[in-house]
Protein backbone atom coordinates (compact mmCIF):
# COMPACT_ATOMS: atom_id res chain seq x y z
CA MET A 1 103.51 -3.63 34.85
CA ALA A 2 105.30 -2.14 32.27
CA ILE A 3 109.39 -2.71 31.92
CA GLU A 4 111.29 0.60 32.66
CA VAL A 5 115.16 -0.49 33.18
CA PHE A 6 116.36 -2.48 30.49
CA ASN A 7 119.89 -3.62 30.75
CA ARG A 8 120.78 -5.89 27.72
CA TYR A 9 122.95 -6.61 23.94
CA GLU A 10 121.86 -5.12 20.93
CA ASN A 11 122.83 -6.72 17.46
CA LYS A 12 121.73 -5.38 14.86
CA TYR A 13 121.14 -6.98 10.97
CA LEU A 14 119.68 -5.02 7.91
CA MET A 15 117.93 -7.77 5.34
CA ASP A 16 115.33 -7.50 2.55
CA THR A 17 111.88 -9.28 2.27
CA LYS A 18 112.96 -12.46 1.16
CA ALA A 19 115.14 -12.62 3.68
CA PHE A 20 113.23 -11.27 6.88
CA TYR A 21 110.41 -14.40 5.26
CA ARG A 22 113.14 -16.98 5.68
CA ILE A 23 114.53 -16.04 8.94
CA TYR A 24 111.01 -14.98 11.00
CA ASN A 25 109.67 -18.42 9.34
CA ASP A 26 112.63 -20.79 11.24
CA LEU A 27 112.60 -18.05 14.61
CA MET A 28 108.60 -19.27 15.09
CA GLU A 29 109.88 -22.90 16.38
CA TYR A 30 112.11 -21.37 19.20
CA MET A 31 109.95 -18.07 19.64
CA GLU A 32 106.53 -16.48 19.61
CA PRO A 33 105.23 -13.26 18.60
CA ASP A 34 104.21 -9.83 21.01
CA GLU A 35 100.91 -10.13 22.45
CA ASN A 36 100.76 -7.07 20.72
CA ASN A 37 101.47 -8.79 17.43
CA ARG A 38 99.15 -12.01 17.96
CA ASN A 39 96.53 -11.11 15.28
CA GLY A 40 99.50 -11.00 12.78
CA LYS A 41 99.65 -7.37 12.61
CA PHE A 42 102.31 -4.66 13.13
CA TYR A 43 102.22 -1.96 16.16
CA THR A 44 103.50 1.30 15.32
CA ILE A 45 106.37 3.17 17.50
CA SER A 46 106.18 6.50 17.78
CA ASN A 47 109.30 8.55 18.91
CA LEU A 48 110.27 12.52 19.00
CA TYR A 49 114.19 12.56 19.80
CA TYR A 50 115.81 15.77 21.89
CA ASP A 51 119.17 17.20 21.26
CA SER A 52 120.78 20.66 21.62
CA GLU A 53 120.77 23.15 18.76
CA HIS A 54 124.09 22.11 17.21
CA HIS A 55 123.26 18.33 17.26
CA SER A 56 125.59 17.51 19.77
CA LEU A 57 124.54 14.45 21.27
CA ILE A 58 123.95 12.16 17.52
CA ARG A 59 127.23 13.92 16.67
CA GLY A 60 128.56 12.93 19.98
CA SER A 61 127.19 9.16 19.19
CA LEU A 62 128.49 9.02 15.46
CA ALA A 63 132.02 9.32 17.25
CA LYS A 64 131.27 5.96 18.43
CA PRO A 65 132.49 6.62 22.02
CA LYS A 66 132.86 3.57 25.03
CA TYR A 67 129.72 5.49 26.56
CA LYS A 68 127.29 7.82 24.72
CA GLU A 69 122.95 8.53 25.97
CA LYS A 70 120.02 10.09 23.92
CA LEU A 71 116.79 11.49 25.37
CA ARG A 72 113.09 10.58 23.54
CA ILE A 73 110.04 10.50 24.08
CA ARG A 74 108.10 7.29 23.11
CA SER A 75 104.38 6.61 22.23
CA TYR A 76 103.20 3.64 20.87
CA GLY A 77 100.63 4.98 17.63
CA VAL A 78 99.64 8.83 17.56
CA PRO A 79 98.78 9.73 21.24
CA ALA A 80 96.67 11.96 22.28
CA GLY A 81 97.16 15.38 24.12
CA ASP A 82 96.70 13.15 27.23
CA ALA A 83 97.96 9.98 26.62
CA LYS A 84 100.32 8.15 28.44
CA VAL A 85 103.98 8.32 26.78
CA TYR A 86 107.13 6.85 28.02
CA LEU A 87 109.78 9.47 28.49
CA GLU A 88 113.43 7.58 27.89
CA LEU A 89 116.52 8.07 28.85
CA LYS A 90 118.67 5.33 26.86
CA LYS A 91 122.60 5.05 27.57
CA LYS A 92 125.58 2.70 25.71
CA VAL A 93 128.52 1.85 27.69
CA PHE A 94 131.13 -0.61 25.98
CA GLY A 95 128.13 -2.19 24.08
CA LEU A 96 126.10 -2.65 27.08
CA VAL A 97 122.37 -0.91 26.93
CA ASN A 98 121.03 0.49 29.13
CA LYS A 99 117.58 2.20 29.11
CA ARG A 100 115.25 4.30 31.76
CA ARG A 101 112.21 4.93 31.21
CA THR A 102 109.24 6.21 33.30
CA SER A 103 105.91 6.49 32.07
CA LEU A 104 104.52 9.78 31.62
CA ARG A 105 100.86 11.33 30.31
CA LEU A 106 101.97 13.65 26.91
CA GLY A 107 101.93 17.20 27.87
CA GLU A 108 104.17 16.85 31.38
CA ALA A 109 106.81 14.81 29.50
CA TYR A 110 107.25 17.98 27.23
CA GLU A 111 106.55 20.11 29.72
CA PHE A 112 109.41 18.27 31.77
CA VAL A 113 112.20 18.25 28.80
CA ARG A 114 111.49 22.17 28.08
CA THR A 115 112.35 22.76 31.74
CA GLY A 116 113.85 20.68 33.53
CA THR A 117 111.52 20.52 35.94
CA PRO A 118 110.22 17.11 37.11
CA PRO A 119 105.97 16.71 37.56
CA ALA A 120 104.51 16.16 40.81
CA TYR A 121 105.05 12.73 41.38
CA ARG A 122 102.13 10.62 41.53
CA LYS A 123 101.86 6.49 41.38
CA GLY A 124 103.14 4.64 38.41
CA MET A 125 106.27 7.38 38.23
CA ASN A 126 109.33 5.99 38.30
CA LYS A 127 111.00 8.45 40.85
CA GLN A 128 114.77 7.14 40.11
CA VAL A 129 114.37 7.12 36.34
CA ILE A 130 112.66 10.75 36.45
CA GLY A 131 115.67 12.01 39.07
CA GLU A 132 118.27 10.29 36.27
CA ILE A 133 116.43 12.39 33.68
CA GLU A 134 116.12 15.55 35.73
CA TYR A 135 120.31 15.13 36.04
CA PHE A 136 120.72 14.91 32.43
CA LEU A 137 118.32 17.68 31.60
CA SER A 138 120.44 19.84 33.98
CA ARG A 139 123.51 19.32 31.67
CA TYR A 140 122.51 20.34 28.06
CA GLU A 141 119.71 23.02 26.75
CA LEU A 142 117.51 20.64 24.71
CA GLN A 143 114.72 21.20 22.01
CA PRO A 144 112.78 18.13 19.97
CA MET A 145 114.63 17.87 16.96
CA VAL A 146 113.43 14.84 14.95
CA TYR A 147 110.17 12.69 14.38
CA LEU A 148 111.02 8.94 13.91
CA ALA A 149 108.82 6.04 13.85
CA TYR A 150 108.43 2.43 11.96
CA ASP A 151 106.32 -0.48 12.28
CA ARG A 152 107.68 -3.23 14.88
CA ILE A 153 107.31 -6.83 14.70
CA ALA A 154 108.53 -8.02 18.07
CA LEU A 155 108.98 -11.99 19.08
CA PHE A 156 110.32 -13.93 22.54
CA CYS A 157 112.18 -16.34 23.42
CA LYS A 158 109.83 -19.40 24.86
CA GLY A 159 110.81 -19.75 27.87
CA ASN A 160 113.07 -17.20 28.15
CA ARG A 161 112.00 -13.70 28.14
CA ASP A 162 115.41 -12.60 28.49
CA LEU A 163 116.38 -12.62 24.73
CA ARG A 164 113.70 -10.49 22.44
CA ILE A 165 114.22 -10.16 18.52
CA THR A 166 112.50 -7.27 16.78
CA PHE A 167 111.59 -6.46 12.62
CA ASP A 168 111.45 -2.89 12.50
CA THR A 169 110.28 -1.11 8.59
CA ASN A 170 108.58 1.31 7.13
CA ILE A 171 111.20 3.39 9.11
CA ARG A 172 109.83 7.39 8.83
CA SER A 173 110.97 10.38 9.83
CA ARG A 174 110.80 14.07 9.64
CA ARG A 175 112.26 17.58 11.35
CA TYR A 176 109.01 19.65 11.40
CA ASP A 177 105.49 19.07 13.03
CA LEU A 178 107.69 18.03 15.88
CA LYS A 179 104.78 16.83 18.27
CA LEU A 180 103.86 13.07 18.74
CA GLU A 181 100.61 14.03 18.74
CA ALA A 182 100.94 16.02 15.21
CA GLY A 183 99.88 12.67 13.00
CA ASP A 184 102.17 9.20 11.71
CA TYR A 185 103.78 10.21 8.54
CA GLY A 186 107.38 11.52 7.51
CA GLU A 187 110.09 9.97 4.87
CA GLN A 188 111.41 7.02 4.13
CA LEU A 189 115.26 6.60 5.60
CA LEU A 190 115.66 3.06 4.73
CA LYS A 191 115.02 1.42 0.86
CA ARG A 192 111.16 -0.08 0.02
CA GLY A 193 111.39 -3.93 1.28
CA GLN A 194 114.57 -3.30 4.13
CA TRP A 195 114.07 -4.79 7.11
CA LEU A 196 116.22 -4.21 10.45
CA MET A 197 116.36 -7.05 12.44
CA GLU A 198 117.61 -6.30 16.53
CA VAL A 199 118.42 -9.47 18.96
CA LYS A 200 118.27 -8.23 22.31
CA ALA A 201 119.88 -10.11 25.14
CA GLU A 202 121.09 -9.51 28.38
CA LYS A 203 123.88 -12.52 28.11
CA THR A 204 125.09 -14.14 25.17
CA ILE A 205 122.91 -14.96 22.86
CA PRO A 206 122.05 -19.64 22.56
CA VAL A 207 124.03 -21.61 20.43
CA TRP A 208 121.01 -21.96 18.06
CA LEU A 209 120.29 -18.49 17.14
CA SER A 210 124.40 -17.86 16.81
CA ARG A 211 123.82 -21.05 13.77
CA MET A 212 121.00 -19.66 12.76
CA LEU A 213 122.17 -16.16 11.86
CA SER A 214 125.29 -17.72 9.91
CA GLU A 215 123.04 -20.36 8.12
CA HIS A 216 121.00 -17.45 6.76
CA GLN A 217 124.15 -14.79 5.92
CA LEU A 218 123.48 -12.44 8.22
CA TYR A 219 126.19 -10.21 9.87
CA ARG A 220 126.11 -7.58 12.45
CA THR A 221 126.42 -4.08 10.71
CA SER A 222 126.07 -0.75 12.93
CA PHE A 223 122.74 1.45 12.27
CA SER A 224 121.06 4.22 14.24
CA LYS A 225 118.00 4.98 13.20
CA TYR A 226 118.46 8.73 14.75
CA GLY A 227 122.58 8.60 13.25
CA ASN A 228 121.52 7.45 10.08
CA GLU A 229 118.64 9.94 9.51
CA TYR A 230 120.83 12.94 10.54
CA LYS A 231 123.18 11.64 8.12
CA LYS A 232 120.57 12.20 5.87
CA SER A 233 119.59 15.19 6.77
CA ILE A 234 122.92 16.83 6.47
CA ARG A 235 123.18 15.31 2.85
CA ASN A 236 119.80 16.78 1.47
CA ALA A 237 120.57 20.01 3.18
CA PRO A 238 120.93 22.62 1.27
CA VAL A 239 125.05 23.66 1.67
CA VAL A 240 124.77 27.00 4.12
CA GLU A 241 122.57 25.14 6.53
CA ARG A 242 124.89 22.04 6.04
CA GLU A 243 127.72 24.05 7.14
CA ARG A 244 125.48 25.70 10.15
CA ILE A 245 124.77 22.15 11.14
CA VAL A 246 128.22 20.94 11.06
CA LEU A 247 130.00 23.41 13.02
């Protein structure tokens, strides 16, 4: 069964392709690929982020509060109309990331967010998470705001599954055709050849990893995919539209 509740710290690092290959090769002494990467290929994650008409969730998040939250529907690849997806509520409190999700059919997830009324419970759903998302939806009037996808390589620490490192590249987004089943395409968020590495751990990272990051001269950065897409959309918007967005 897929893990549906996560509590962990997430540190992010930006790098180019050369830096990626250097640290990836060193990490393989301690880590092993996710089962979806064992054939040497990426797997694709597609997300549909929801926000209020005036972007209150992402604007609040970019203000760097001690507590922030966001809601998205996530699929692996391009889903069919009745495919299983995950409805996820992600919170961050004093640096600790709490992610809670439940599996739903794509149509059920759309309807749940649109109406605020959860689907009839059946085996495979997480009833507690559904209740939390229902409460979250009662506080906001949300609409699909941005599609965001990327190609991922994930690694787990040998003997310690609590430590996970992911590499995301080819991050693309769009603010039209806001359906996961509409296809996997969009504008590039980063420059060609850039990678986002995330180190995810329930506690402190091991000494060997801290030393490796220092040796490779990799330093933590603040990077939100949705946050950076939002800032980019403001820069590229016409003046009138830009003023409406930031009101």
